[in-house]
Amino acid sequence: MANKSATGTKTAAAKKAVVRKAVSARKVGAKGMTFCTLAGRDGMTLGVRTGKGILDVAKAAELFRVKAPTTIHQVMEGADCAPLLKLVEKATSDARGKSVLVSESKAKFGPAVPNPEKIICVGLNYRQHAAETGSAIPPVPLLFNKFNNALTGHRSTVKLPSKVDRQFDYEVELVIVIGKTARDVSEADALKYVFGYANGNDLSARGLQRATSQFMLGKIPDGFAPLGPWVVSADQIKDPNNLAIQTWVNGKIRQDLNTSDMIYDCRTIISYCSKHMTLKPGDIIYTGTPQGVILGYPKDKQKWLKAGDRVKTVVEHLGELEVTLA
């Protein structure tokens, strides 16, 4: 009986060990994490926000000899985040960690998502914005696009294309960052495909935008898609359609509303887009802007953005994104 008991104990212990090993082998996701992209001499690299500054993942991985994803695209494509958590713990508890932590005030940010396959934008997606521009409510989401050349980061300088237009405008926007391949998904399931959310500014050259029936030319100048500084994991945003959203120009507030005023909410936008194209991890969707844009002012009060202006957009829980125009 004693031998049988011992054998049974060993078998149970072995089973528990297998279970522990299986659990430890599972990938750790990005829940509860806030990411950025740092711009350095060697290009763009992943940053993780901590209570003691931004972890430069590439430098930390080298210092502590831990293999970890070093770009946000690797994370969005499913890389294990356990090494990132390990690096955060080491950097914030080890004296050597100071060398791989960057102060937020001194960090040089790249676009939060630097290389999306697709940049999809939604036009006229706030009720009050449609009203201020005298536009009808679109019967379906009104889509247009930007390209990667338009992406730029927090605290960057955006050179205005003043040779081709003079009517420059701001548009604060909640940006959806896709985290899983999505094709023909339902509205009920749509948010399951979101990796996180970011603060974006759909800068616009209104003269070019209105020159033809196509928005594109007024939306794609270099630097006209500021994005960041953070990508906040989706689990930290309880309801993307209940966020305060603002624009400030030279310290004066210009836009101030809530994402609840969207005509087509985030679920609808994702589902609608996925019925027309395959959304992939890293794709980003600018979801539209609230009322308060310069285009919506009476013509005699339209004072367009100019070189030297500082434009700051704010989205609740997603931080402040500021650029200087030149």
C-alpha atoms as a PDB file:
ATOM      1  CA  MET A   1       0.000   0.000   0.000  1.00  0.00           C
ATOM      2  CA  ALA A   2       2.861   2.340   0.845  1.00  0.00           C
ATOM      3  CA  ASN A   3       4.440   1.787  -2.592  1.00  0.00           C
ATOM      4  CA  LYS A   4       1.107   2.489  -4.314  1.00  0.00           C
ATOM      5  CA  SER A   5       0.672   5.651  -2.263  1.00  0.00           C
ATOM      6  CA  ALA A   6       4.170   6.825  -3.104  1.00  0.00           C
ATOM      7  CA  THR A   7       3.614   6.067  -6.777  1.00  0.00           C
ATOM      8  CA  GLY A   8       0.321   7.972  -6.756  1.00  0.00           C
ATOM      9  CA  THR A   9       1.970  10.960  -5.107  1.00  0.00           C
ATOM     10  CA  LYS A  10       4.748  10.983  -7.701  1.00  0.00           C
ATOM     11  CA  THR A  11       2.213  10.752 -10.532  1.00  0.00           C
ATOM     12  CA  ALA A  12       0.171  13.650  -9.126  1.00  0.00           C
ATOM     13  CA  ALA A  13       3.314  15.739  -8.683  1.00  0.00           C
ATOM     14  CA  ALA A  14       4.371  14.973 -12.258  1.00  0.00           C
ATOM     15  CA  LYS A  15       0.982  16.041 -13.572  1.00  0.00           C
ATOM     16  CA  LYS A  16       1.164  19.294 -11.615  1.00  0.00           C
ATOM     17  CA  ALA A  17       4.642  19.936 -12.994  1.00  0.00           C
ATOM     18  CA  VAL A  18       3.353  19.440 -16.548  1.00  0.00           C
ATOM     19  CA  VAL A  19       0.505  21.874 -15.883  1.00  0.00           C
ATOM     20  CA  ARG A  20       2.896  24.471 -14.404  1.00  0.00           C
ATOM     21  CA  LYS A  21       5.185  24.104 -17.396  1.00  0.00           C
ATOM     22  CA  ALA A  22       2.280  24.518 -19.807  1.00  0.00           C
ATOM     23  CA  VAL A  23       1.078  27.624 -17.988  1.00  0.00           C
ATOM     24  CA  SER A  24       4.560  29.150 -17.931  1.00  0.00           C
ATOM     25  CA  ALA A  25       4.910  28.428 -21.647  1.00  0.00           C
ATOM     26  CA  ARG A  26       1.836  30.493 -22.502  1.00  0.00           C
ATOM     27  CA  LYS A  27       2.493  33.860 -23.994  1.00  0.00           C
ATOM     28  CA  VAL A  28       1.854  36.847 -21.781  1.00  0.00           C
ATOM     29  CA  GLY A  29      -0.193  39.491 -23.548  1.00  0.00           C
ATOM     30  CA  ALA A  30      -0.006  43.267 -23.393  1.00  0.00           C
ATOM     31  CA  LYS A  31      -2.791  43.809 -20.852  1.00  0.00           C
ATOM     32  CA  GLY A  32      -2.175  46.725 -18.547  1.00  0.00           C
ATOM     33  CA  MET A  33       0.775  48.004 -20.573  1.00  0.00           C
ATOM     34  CA  THR A  34       1.375  51.370 -22.218  1.00  0.00           C
ATOM     35  CA  PHE A  35       3.792  51.541 -25.152  1.00  0.00           C
ATOM     36  CA  CYS A  36       5.529  54.169 -27.225  1.00  0.00           C
ATOM     37  CA  THR A  37       8.089  54.318 -30.001  1.00  0.00           C
ATOM     38  CA  LEU A  38      11.367  56.040 -29.215  1.00  0.00           C
ATOM     39  CA  ALA A  39      13.324  57.690 -32.017  1.00  0.00           C
ATOM     40  CA  GLY A  40      17.077  57.278 -31.716  1.00  0.00           C
ATOM     41  CA  ARG A  41      20.248  57.324 -33.770  1.00  0.00           C
ATOM     42  CA  ASP A  42      19.709  53.704 -34.748  1.00  0.00           C
ATOM     43  CA  GLY A  43      16.076  54.157 -35.734  1.00  0.00           C
ATOM     44  CA  MET A  44      12.794  53.433 -33.985  1.00  0.00           C
ATOM     45  CA  THR A  45      12.672  51.214 -30.919  1.00  0.00           C
ATOM     46  CA  LEU A  46      10.060  50.083 -28.431  1.00  0.00           C
ATOM     47  CA  GLY A  47       9.418  51.987 -25.215  1.00  0.00           C
ATOM     48  CA  VAL A  48       7.330  50.861 -22.238  1.00  0.00           C
ATOM     49  CA  ARG A  49       5.928  53.413 -19.825  1.00  0.00           C
ATOM     50  CA  THR A  50       6.785  52.772 -16.165  1.00  0.00           C
ATOM     51  CA  GLY A  51       6.390  54.715 -12.949  1.00  0.00           C
ATOM     52  CA  LYS A  52      10.060  55.692 -13.167  1.00  0.00           C
ATOM     53  CA  GLY A  53      10.250  56.727 -16.802  1.00  0.00           C
ATOM     54  CA  ILE A  54      10.157  55.085 -20.217  1.00  0.00           C
ATOM     55  CA  LEU A  55      11.958  51.779 -20.532  1.00  0.00           C
ATOM     56  CA  ASP A  56      14.168  51.715 -23.644  1.00  0.00           C
ATOM     57  CA  VAL A  57      13.575  48.037 -24.377  1.00  0.00           C
ATOM     58  CA  ALA A  58      16.490  47.523 -26.777  1.00  0.00           C
ATOM     59  CA  LYS A  59      19.004  48.962 -24.312  1.00  0.00           C
ATOM     60  CA  ALA A  60      17.454  47.116 -21.391  1.00  0.00           C
ATOM     61  CA  ALA A  61      17.468  43.797 -23.257  1.00  0.00           C
ATOM     62  CA  GLU A  62      21.169  44.219 -23.971  1.00  0.00           C
ATOM     63  CA  LEU A  63      22.023  45.313 -20.428  1.00  0.00           C
ATOM     64  CA  PHE A  64      20.143  42.522 -18.670  1.00  0.00           C
ATOM     65  CA  ARG A  65      20.675  39.908 -21.396  1.00  0.00           C
ATOM     66  CA  VAL A  66      16.987  39.228 -21.886  1.00  0.00           C
ATOM     67  CA  LYS A  67      15.570  38.458 -25.322  1.00  0.00           C
ATOM     68  CA  ALA A  68      12.512  40.642 -25.848  1.00  0.00           C
ATOM     69  CA  PRO A  69      10.488  42.260 -28.646  1.00  0.00           C
ATOM     70  CA  THR A  70      12.065  45.595 -29.583  1.00  0.00           C
ATOM     71  CA  THR A  71       9.344  47.130 -31.770  1.00  0.00           C
ATOM     72  CA  ILE A  72       5.686  47.757 -31.106  1.00  0.00           C
ATOM     73  CA  HIS A  73       4.866  45.890 -34.311  1.00  0.00           C
ATOM     74  CA  GLN A  74       6.359  42.709 -32.854  1.00  0.00           C
ATOM     75  CA  VAL A  75       4.144  43.138 -29.803  1.00  0.00           C
ATOM     76  CA  MET A  76       1.039  43.750 -31.892  1.00  0.00           C
ATOM     77  CA  GLU A  77       1.804  40.672 -33.961  1.00  0.00           C
ATOM     78  CA  GLY A  78       1.717  38.500 -30.845  1.00  0.00           C
ATOM     79  CA  ALA A  79       5.197  38.524 -29.303  1.00  0.00           C
ATOM     80  CA  ASP A  80       5.383  37.321 -25.712  1.00  0.00           C
ATOM     81  CA  CYS A  81       5.309  40.295 -23.328  1.00  0.00           C
ATOM     82  CA  ALA A  82       6.678  38.309 -20.369  1.00  0.00           C
ATOM     83  CA  PRO A  83      10.257  39.453 -21.159  1.00  0.00           C
ATOM     84  CA  LEU A  84       9.029  43.065 -21.191  1.00  0.00           C
ATOM     85  CA  LEU A  85       7.537  42.676 -17.731  1.00  0.00           C
ATOM     86  CA  LYS A  86      10.794  41.105 -16.565  1.00  0.00           C
ATOM     87  CA  LEU A  87      12.804  44.013 -17.987  1.00  0.00           C
ATOM     88  CA  VAL A  88      10.508  46.552 -16.340  1.00  0.00           C
ATOM     89  CA  GLU A  89      10.973  44.809 -12.997  1.00  0.00           C
ATOM     90  CA  LYS A  90      14.747  44.672 -13.374  1.00  0.00           C
ATOM     91  CA  ALA A  91      15.112  48.256 -14.603  1.00  0.00           C
ATOM     92  CA  THR A  92      12.990  49.705 -11.811  1.00  0.00           C
ATOM     93  CA  SER A  93      14.602  47.687  -9.018  1.00  0.00           C
ATOM     94  CA  ASP A  94      18.252  47.388 -10.136  1.00  0.00           C
ATOM     95  CA  ALA A  95      20.587  50.388  -9.743  1.00  0.00           C
ATOM     96  CA  ARG A  96      21.834  49.789 -13.295  1.00  0.00           C
ATOM     97  CA  GLY A  97      18.301  50.351 -14.576  1.00  0.00           C
ATOM     98  CA  LYS A  98      18.708  54.119 -14.516  1.00  0.00           C
ATOM     99  CA  SER A  99      20.768  53.867 -17.704  1.00  0.00           C
ATOM    100  CA  VAL A 100      17.866  52.346 -19.657  1.00  0.00           C
ATOM    101  CA  LEU A 101      15.051  54.530 -18.300  1.00  0.00           C
ATOM    102  CA  VAL A 102      14.289  57.752 -20.165  1.00  0.00           C
ATOM    103  CA  SER A 103      12.469  60.696 -18.597  1.00  0.00           C
ATOM    104  CA  GLU A 104       9.190  61.409 -20.402  1.00  0.00           C
ATOM    105  CA  SER A 105      10.115  65.092 -20.549  1.00  0.00           C
ATOM    106  CA  LYS A 106      13.379  64.313 -22.362  1.00  0.00           C
ATOM    107  CA  ALA A 107      12.290  61.420 -24.569  1.00  0.00           C
ATOM    108  CA  LYS A 108      12.359  61.775 -28.335  1.00  0.00           C
ATOM    109  CA  PHE A 109       9.220  60.151 -29.655  1.00  0.00           C
ATOM    110  CA  GLY A 110       8.580  58.625 -33.032  1.00  0.00           C
ATOM    111  CA  PRO A 111       5.057  57.913 -34.284  1.00  0.00           C
ATOM    112  CA  ALA A 112       3.487  55.567 -31.722  1.00  0.00           C
ATOM    113  CA  VAL A 113       2.848  53.053 -34.532  1.00  0.00           C
ATOM    114  CA  PRO A 114       5.607  53.778 -37.045  1.00  0.00           C
ATOM    115  CA  ASN A 115       4.863  51.384 -39.903  1.00  0.00           C
ATOM    116  CA  PRO A 116       1.205  50.421 -40.297  1.00  0.00           C
ATOM    117  CA  GLU A 117       0.138  48.673 -43.467  1.00  0.00           C
ATOM    118  CA  LYS A 118      -2.991  50.809 -43.560  1.00  0.00           C
ATOM    119  CA  ILE A 119      -3.936  54.239 -42.207  1.00  0.00           C
ATOM    120  CA  ILE A 120      -7.713  54.484 -42.482  1.00  0.00           C
ATOM    121  CA  CYS A 121      -9.547  57.699 -41.638  1.00  0.00           C
ATOM    122  CA  VAL A 122     -13.223  58.397 -41.033  1.00  0.00           C
ATOM    123  CA  GLY A 123     -14.650  61.727 -42.152  1.00  0.00           C
ATOM    124  CA  LEU A 124     -17.633  63.645 -40.752  1.00  0.00           C
ATOM    125  CA  ASN A 125     -18.073  61.180 -37.895  1.00  0.00           C
ATOM    126  CA  TYR A 126     -19.270  63.536 -35.143  1.00  0.00           C
ATOM    127  CA  ARG A 127     -22.793  64.921 -35.237  1.00  0.00           C
ATOM    128  CA  GLN A 128     -21.795  68.430 -34.168  1.00  0.00           C
ATOM    129  CA  HIS A 129     -18.868  68.500 -36.593  1.00  0.00           C
ATOM    130  CA  ALA A 130     -21.135  67.559 -39.515  1.00  0.00           C
ATOM    131  CA  ALA A 131     -23.529  70.315 -38.439  1.00  0.00           C
ATOM    132  CA  GLU A 132     -20.849  73.009 -38.150  1.00  0.00           C
ATOM    133  CA  THR A 133     -19.585  72.278 -41.684  1.00  0.00           C
ATOM    134  CA  GLY A 134     -23.099  72.196 -43.139  1.00  0.00           C
ATOM    135  CA  SER A 135     -22.711  68.563 -44.172  1.00  0.00           C
ATOM    136  CA  ALA A 136     -25.323  65.838 -44.232  1.00  0.00           C
ATOM    137  CA  ILE A 137     -24.906  62.841 -41.940  1.00  0.00           C
ATOM    138  CA  PRO A 138     -23.107  60.189 -44.033  1.00  0.00           C
ATOM    139  CA  PRO A 139     -25.301  57.109 -44.630  1.00  0.00           C
ATOM    140  CA  VAL A 140     -22.261  54.880 -44.004  1.00  0.00           C
ATOM    141  CA  PRO A 141     -18.802  55.649 -42.542  1.00  0.00           C
ATOM    142  CA  LEU A 142     -17.004  58.030 -44.912  1.00  0.00           C
ATOM    143  CA  LEU A 143     -13.521  56.556 -45.417  1.00  0.00           C
ATOM    144  CA  PHE A 144     -10.324  58.049 -46.798  1.00  0.00           C
ATOM    145  CA  ASN A 145      -6.649  57.344 -46.219  1.00  0.00           C
ATOM    146  CA  LYS A 146      -3.284  58.717 -45.266  1.00  0.00           C
ATOM    147  CA  PHE A 147       0.160  57.246 -45.970  1.00  0.00           C
ATOM    148  CA  ASN A 148       3.125  56.511 -43.713  1.00  0.00           C
ATOM    149  CA  ASN A 149       4.952  59.685 -44.797  1.00  0.00           C
ATOM    150  CA  ALA A 150       2.308  61.634 -42.847  1.00  0.00           C
ATOM    151  CA  LEU A 151       3.145  59.939 -39.540  1.00  0.00           C
ATOM    152  CA  THR A 152       5.109  61.886 -36.968  1.00  0.00           C
ATOM    153  CA  GLY A 153       5.602  61.799 -33.212  1.00  0.00           C
ATOM    154  CA  HIS A 154       4.946  63.834 -30.100  1.00  0.00           C
ATOM    155  CA  ARG A 155       6.918  67.106 -29.894  1.00  0.00           C
ATOM    156  CA  SER A 156       7.917  66.931 -33.554  1.00  0.00           C
ATOM    157  CA  THR A 157       8.007  69.863 -35.980  1.00  0.00           C
ATOM    158  CA  VAL A 158       5.677  69.731 -38.977  1.00  0.00           C
ATOM    159  CA  LYS A 159       6.645  71.786 -42.008  1.00  0.00           C
ATOM    160  CA  LEU A 160       3.576  73.243 -43.676  1.00  0.00           C
ATOM    161  CA  PRO A 161       3.344  72.870 -47.486  1.00  0.00           C
ATOM    162  CA  SER A 162       2.738  76.602 -47.889  1.00  0.00           C
ATOM    163  CA  LYS A 163       3.562  76.598 -51.619  1.00  0.00           C
ATOM    164  CA  VAL A 164       0.410  74.595 -52.387  1.00  0.00           C
ATOM    165  CA  ASP A 165      -2.050  75.692 -49.676  1.00  0.00           C
ATOM    166  CA  ARG A 166      -2.606  78.239 -46.901  1.00  0.00           C
ATOM    167  CA  GLN A 167      -5.657  76.800 -45.194  1.00  0.00           C
ATOM    168  CA  PHE A 168      -4.258  74.493 -42.509  1.00  0.00           C
ATOM    169  CA  ASP A 169      -6.477  72.972 -39.841  1.00  0.00           C
ATOM    170  CA  TYR A 170      -6.333  70.636 -36.826  1.00  0.00           C
ATOM    171  CA  GLU A 171      -8.462  67.576 -36.054  1.00  0.00           C
ATOM    172  CA  VAL A 172      -8.077  65.747 -32.739  1.00  0.00           C
ATOM    173  CA  GLU A 173      -9.027  62.073 -33.126  1.00  0.00           C
ATOM    174  CA  LEU A 174      -9.227  58.849 -31.168  1.00  0.00           C
ATOM    175  CA  VAL A 175      -7.124  56.294 -33.042  1.00  0.00           C
ATOM    176  CA  ILE A 176      -7.862  52.562 -32.996  1.00  0.00           C
ATOM    177  CA  VAL A 177      -4.851  50.249 -33.234  1.00  0.00           C
ATOM    178  CA  ILE A 178      -5.725  46.818 -34.611  1.00  0.00           C
ATOM    179  CA  GLY A 179      -4.202  43.801 -32.848  1.00  0.00           C
ATOM    180  CA  LYS A 180      -5.615  40.769 -34.673  1.00  0.00           C
ATOM    181  CA  THR A 181      -6.378  39.972 -38.298  1.00  0.00           C
ATOM    182  CA  ALA A 182      -9.996  40.952 -38.871  1.00  0.00           C
ATOM    183  CA  ARG A 183     -12.127  40.082 -41.876  1.00  0.00           C
ATOM    184  CA  ASP A 184     -15.904  40.405 -41.965  1.00  0.00           C
ATOM    185  CA  VAL A 185     -16.248  40.668 -38.181  1.00  0.00           C
ATOM    186  CA  SER A 186     -19.509  41.490 -36.433  1.00  0.00           C
ATOM    187  CA  GLU A 187     -20.076  44.682 -34.478  1.00  0.00           C
ATOM    188  CA  ALA A 188     -20.561  42.562 -31.355  1.00  0.00           C
ATOM    189  CA  ASP A 189     -17.071  41.081 -31.701  1.00  0.00           C
ATOM    190  CA  ALA A 190     -15.294  44.076 -33.215  1.00  0.00           C
ATOM    191  CA  LEU A 191     -13.537  45.380 -30.088  1.00  0.00           C
ATOM    192  CA  LYS A 192     -11.927  41.968 -29.548  1.00  0.00           C
ATOM    193  CA  TYR A 193      -9.650  42.820 -32.481  1.00  0.00           C
ATOM    194  CA  VAL A 194      -8.317  46.024 -30.925  1.00  0.00           C
ATOM    195  CA  PHE A 195      -4.776  46.040 -29.552  1.00  0.00           C
ATOM    196  CA  GLY A 196      -5.036  49.511 -28.074  1.00  0.00           C
ATOM    197  CA  TYR A 197      -5.890  53.154 -28.552  1.00  0.00           C
ATOM    198  CA  ALA A 198      -3.877  56.292 -29.261  1.00  0.00           C
ATOM    199  CA  ASN A 199      -4.182  60.061 -29.599  1.00  0.00           C
ATOM    200  CA  GLY A 200      -4.032  61.356 -33.173  1.00  0.00           C
ATOM    201  CA  ASN A 201      -4.236  64.649 -35.056  1.00  0.00           C
ATOM    202  CA  ASP A 202      -5.576  64.551 -38.604  1.00  0.00           C
ATOM    203  CA  LEU A 203      -3.909  67.746 -39.785  1.00  0.00           C
ATOM    204  CA  SER A 204      -5.577  68.963 -42.960  1.00  0.00           C
ATOM    205  CA  ALA A 205      -4.823  71.287 -45.869  1.00  0.00           C
ATOM    206  CA  ARG A 206      -8.374  72.433 -46.514  1.00  0.00           C
ATOM    207  CA  GLY A 207      -7.768  74.104 -49.872  1.00  0.00           C
ATOM    208  CA  LEU A 208      -6.350  70.886 -51.308  1.00  0.00           C
ATOM    209  CA  GLN A 209      -8.979  68.800 -49.552  1.00  0.00           C
ATOM    210  CA  ARG A 210     -11.825  70.757 -51.149  1.00  0.00           C
ATOM    211  CA  ALA A 211     -10.245  71.206 -54.574  1.00  0.00           C
ATOM    212  CA  THR A 212     -11.770  67.928 -55.783  1.00  0.00           C
ATOM    213  CA  SER A 213     -14.312  65.387 -54.539  1.00  0.00           C
ATOM    214  CA  GLN A 214     -11.463  63.338 -53.027  1.00  0.00           C
ATOM    215  CA  PHE A 215     -10.105  64.273 -49.578  1.00  0.00           C
ATOM    216  CA  MET A 216      -6.752  62.545 -50.005  1.00  0.00           C
ATOM    217  CA  LEU A 217      -4.487  65.326 -51.280  1.00  0.00           C
ATOM    218  CA  GLY A 218      -5.344  67.570 -48.349  1.00  0.00           C
ATOM    219  CA  LYS A 219      -4.578  64.811 -45.868  1.00  0.00           C
ATOM    220  CA  ILE A 220      -1.235  63.353 -46.950  1.00  0.00           C
ATOM    221  CA  PRO A 221       1.468  66.058 -46.646  1.00  0.00           C
ATOM    222  CA  ASP A 222       4.541  64.993 -44.683  1.00  0.00           C
ATOM    223  CA  GLY A 223       3.888  65.021 -40.946  1.00  0.00           C
ATOM    224  CA  PHE A 224       0.123  65.499 -41.250  1.00  0.00           C
ATOM    225  CA  ALA A 225      -0.682  62.460 -39.070  1.00  0.00           C
ATOM    226  CA  PRO A 226       0.814  63.073 -35.618  1.00  0.00           C
ATOM    227  CA  LEU A 227       0.277  59.970 -33.489  1.00  0.00           C
ATOM    228  CA  GLY A 228       1.059  59.228 -29.855  1.00  0.00           C
ATOM    229  CA  PRO A 229       2.911  59.512 -27.660  1.00  0.00           C
ATOM    230  CA  TRP A 230       1.298  56.359 -26.253  1.00  0.00           C
ATOM    231  CA  VAL A 231      -0.520  53.256 -27.361  1.00  0.00           C
ATOM    232  CA  VAL A 232      -2.587  52.210 -24.350  1.00  0.00           C
ATOM    233  CA  SER A 233      -3.658  48.563 -24.246  1.00  0.00           C
ATOM    234  CA  ALA A 234      -7.355  48.089 -24.971  1.00  0.00           C
ATOM    235  CA  ASP A 235      -8.145  46.584 -21.569  1.00  0.00           C
ATOM    236  CA  GLN A 236      -7.322  49.911 -19.918  1.00  0.00           C
ATOM    237  CA  ILE A 237     -10.020  51.759 -21.895  1.00  0.00           C
ATOM    238  CA  LYS A 238     -13.410  50.627 -20.607  1.00  0.00           C
ATOM    239  CA  ASP A 239     -15.412  52.457 -23.261  1.00  0.00           C
ATOM    240  CA  PRO A 240     -13.686  54.115 -26.249  1.00  0.00           C
ATOM    241  CA  ASN A 241     -16.919  55.929 -26.959  1.00  0.00           C
ATOM    242  CA  ASN A 242     -16.930  57.802 -23.684  1.00  0.00           C
ATOM    243  CA  LEU A 243     -13.667  59.753 -23.687  1.00  0.00           C
ATOM    244  CA  ALA A 244     -13.091  63.497 -23.367  1.00  0.00           C
ATOM    245  CA  ILE A 245     -11.301  64.853 -26.448  1.00  0.00           C
ATOM    246  CA  GLN A 246      -9.740  68.308 -26.962  1.00  0.00           C
ATOM    247  CA  THR A 247      -7.498  70.493 -29.121  1.00  0.00           C
ATOM    248  CA  TRP A 248      -5.450  73.442 -27.871  1.00  0.00           C
ATOM    249  CA  VAL A 249      -3.711  75.962 -30.145  1.00  0.00           C
ATOM    250  CA  ASN A 250      -1.058  78.170 -28.535  1.00  0.00           C
ATOM    251  CA  GLY A 251      -2.583  77.436 -25.137  1.00  0.00           C
ATOM    252  CA  LYS A 252      -6.194  78.206 -26.111  1.00  0.00           C
ATOM    253  CA  ILE A 253      -8.811  75.480 -26.300  1.00  0.00           C
ATOM    254  CA  ARG A 254     -10.422  75.001 -29.719  1.00  0.00           C
ATOM    255  CA  GLN A 255     -12.138  71.595 -29.566  1.00  0.00           C
ATOM    256  CA  ASP A 256     -13.785  70.144 -26.475  1.00  0.00           C
ATOM    257  CA  LEU A 257     -16.255  67.300 -26.695  1.00  0.00           C
ATOM    258  CA  ASN A 258     -16.580  63.552 -26.020  1.00  0.00           C
ATOM    259  CA  THR A 259     -16.237  60.529 -28.282  1.00  0.00           C
ATOM    260  CA  SER A 260     -19.850  59.682 -27.400  1.00  0.00           C
ATOM    261  CA  ASP A 261     -20.846  62.192 -30.123  1.00  0.00           C
ATOM    262  CA  MET A 262     -19.553  59.851 -32.845  1.00  0.00           C
ATOM    263  CA  ILE A 263     -22.107  58.995 -35.508  1.00  0.00           C
ATOM    264  CA  TYR A 264     -20.510  55.593 -36.071  1.00  0.00           C
ATOM    265  CA  ASP A 265     -18.926  54.182 -32.928  1.00  0.00           C
ATOM    266  CA  CYS A 266     -15.704  52.176 -32.767  1.00  0.00           C
ATOM    267  CA  ARG A 267     -17.467  48.813 -33.041  1.00  0.00           C
ATOM    268  CA  THR A 268     -19.305  49.912 -36.159  1.00  0.00           C
ATOM    269  CA  ILE A 269     -16.206  51.383 -37.794  1.00  0.00           C
ATOM    270  CA  ILE A 270     -14.112  48.247 -37.284  1.00  0.00           C
ATOM    271  CA  SER A 271     -16.880  45.944 -38.488  1.00  0.00           C
ATOM    272  CA  TYR A 272     -17.600  48.131 -41.526  1.00  0.00           C
ATOM    273  CA  CYS A 273     -13.940  48.359 -42.542  1.00  0.00           C
ATOM    274  CA  SER A 274     -13.436  44.612 -42.100  1.00  0.00           C
ATOM    275  CA  LYS A 275     -16.250  43.885 -44.563  1.00  0.00           C
ATOM    276  CA  HIS A 276     -14.335  45.732 -47.285  1.00  0.00           C
ATOM    277  CA  MET A 277     -10.714  44.821 -46.514  1.00  0.00           C
ATOM    278  CA  THR A 278      -8.666  42.609 -44.229  1.00  0.00           C
ATOM    279  CA  LEU A 279      -7.472  44.544 -41.208  1.00  0.00           C
ATOM    280  CA  LYS A 280      -4.085  43.434 -39.925  1.00  0.00           C
ATOM    281  CA  PRO A 281      -2.162  43.907 -36.663  1.00  0.00           C
ATOM    282  CA  GLY A 282      -0.701  47.392 -36.655  1.00  0.00           C
ATOM    283  CA  ASP A 283      -3.306  48.947 -38.938  1.00  0.00           C
ATOM    284  CA  ILE A 284      -4.616  52.205 -37.494  1.00  0.00           C
ATOM    285  CA  ILE A 285      -7.965  53.945 -37.831  1.00  0.00           C
ATOM    286  CA  TYR A 286      -8.432  57.676 -37.205  1.00  0.00           C
ATOM    287  CA  THR A 287     -12.068  57.751 -36.087  1.00  0.00           C
ATOM    288  CA  GLY A 288     -13.054  61.327 -36.893  1.00  0.00           C
ATOM    289  CA  THR A 289     -12.990  64.722 -35.181  1.00  0.00           C
ATOM    290  CA  PRO A 290     -15.498  66.694 -33.073  1.00  0.00           C
ATOM    291  CA  GLN A 291     -16.784  70.203 -33.663  1.00  0.00           C
ATOM    292  CA  GLY A 292     -14.474  73.205 -33.335  1.00  0.00           C
ATOM    293  CA  VAL A 293     -12.290  72.909 -36.432  1.00  0.00           C
ATOM    294  CA  ILE A 294     -11.357  76.111 -38.257  1.00  0.00           C
ATOM    295  CA  LEU A 295     -13.308  74.964 -41.316  1.00  0.00           C
ATOM    296  CA  GLY A 296     -16.475  75.145 -39.233  1.00  0.00           C
ATOM    297  CA  TYR A 297     -16.005  78.832 -38.315  1.00  0.00           C
ATOM    298  CA  PRO A 298     -17.735  81.625 -40.252  1.00  0.00           C
ATOM    299  CA  LYS A 299     -15.464  82.642 -43.127  1.00  0.00           C
ATOM    300  CA  ASP A 300     -14.647  86.011 -41.571  1.00  0.00           C
ATOM    301  CA  LYS A 301     -13.353  84.241 -38.454  1.00  0.00           C
ATOM    302  CA  GLN A 302     -11.310  81.520 -40.105  1.00  0.00           C
ATOM    303  CA  LYS A 303      -7.750  82.107 -38.950  1.00  0.00           C
ATOM    304  CA  TRP A 304      -5.852  79.159 -40.342  1.00  0.00           C
ATOM    305  CA  LEU A 305      -2.894  77.525 -38.647  1.00  0.00           C
ATOM    306  CA  LYS A 306       0.478  79.049 -39.483  1.00  0.00           C
ATOM    307  CA  ALA A 307       4.181  78.507 -38.906  1.00  0.00           C
ATOM    308  CA  GLY A 308       5.075  78.880 -35.246  1.00  0.00           C
ATOM    309  CA  ASP A 309       1.740  77.602 -33.932  1.00  0.00           C
ATOM    310  CA  ARG A 310       1.785  74.881 -31.252  1.00  0.00           C
ATOM    311  CA  VAL A 311      -1.058  72.407 -31.593  1.00  0.00           C
ATOM    312  CA  LYS A 312      -1.842  70.065 -28.696  1.00  0.00           C
ATOM    313  CA  THR A 313      -4.449  67.337 -28.844  1.00  0.00           C
ATOM    314  CA  VAL A 314      -5.694  65.549 -25.727  1.00  0.00           C
ATOM    315  CA  VAL A 315      -7.661  62.305 -25.489  1.00  0.00           C
ATOM    316  CA  GLU A 316      -8.710  61.099 -22.037  1.00  0.00           C
ATOM    317  CA  HIS A 317      -6.429  58.332 -20.689  1.00  0.00           C
ATOM    318  CA  LEU A 318      -4.233  58.534 -23.808  1.00  0.00           C
ATOM    319  CA  GLY A 319      -2.124  61.578 -22.978  1.00  0.00           C
ATOM    320  CA  GLU A 320      -1.182  64.801 -24.733  1.00  0.00           C
ATOM    321  CA  LEU A 321       0.203  64.995 -28.261  1.00  0.00           C
ATOM    322  CA  GLU A 322       1.855  68.253 -29.296  1.00  0.00           C
ATOM    323  CA  VAL A 323       3.473  69.403 -32.529  1.00  0.00           C
ATOM    324  CA  THR A 324       4.975  72.713 -33.617  1.00  0.00           C
ATOM    325  CA  LEU A 325       4.268  74.007 -37.109  1.00  0.00           C
ATOM    326  CA  ALA A 326       6.985  75.493 -39.299  1.00  0.00           C
END
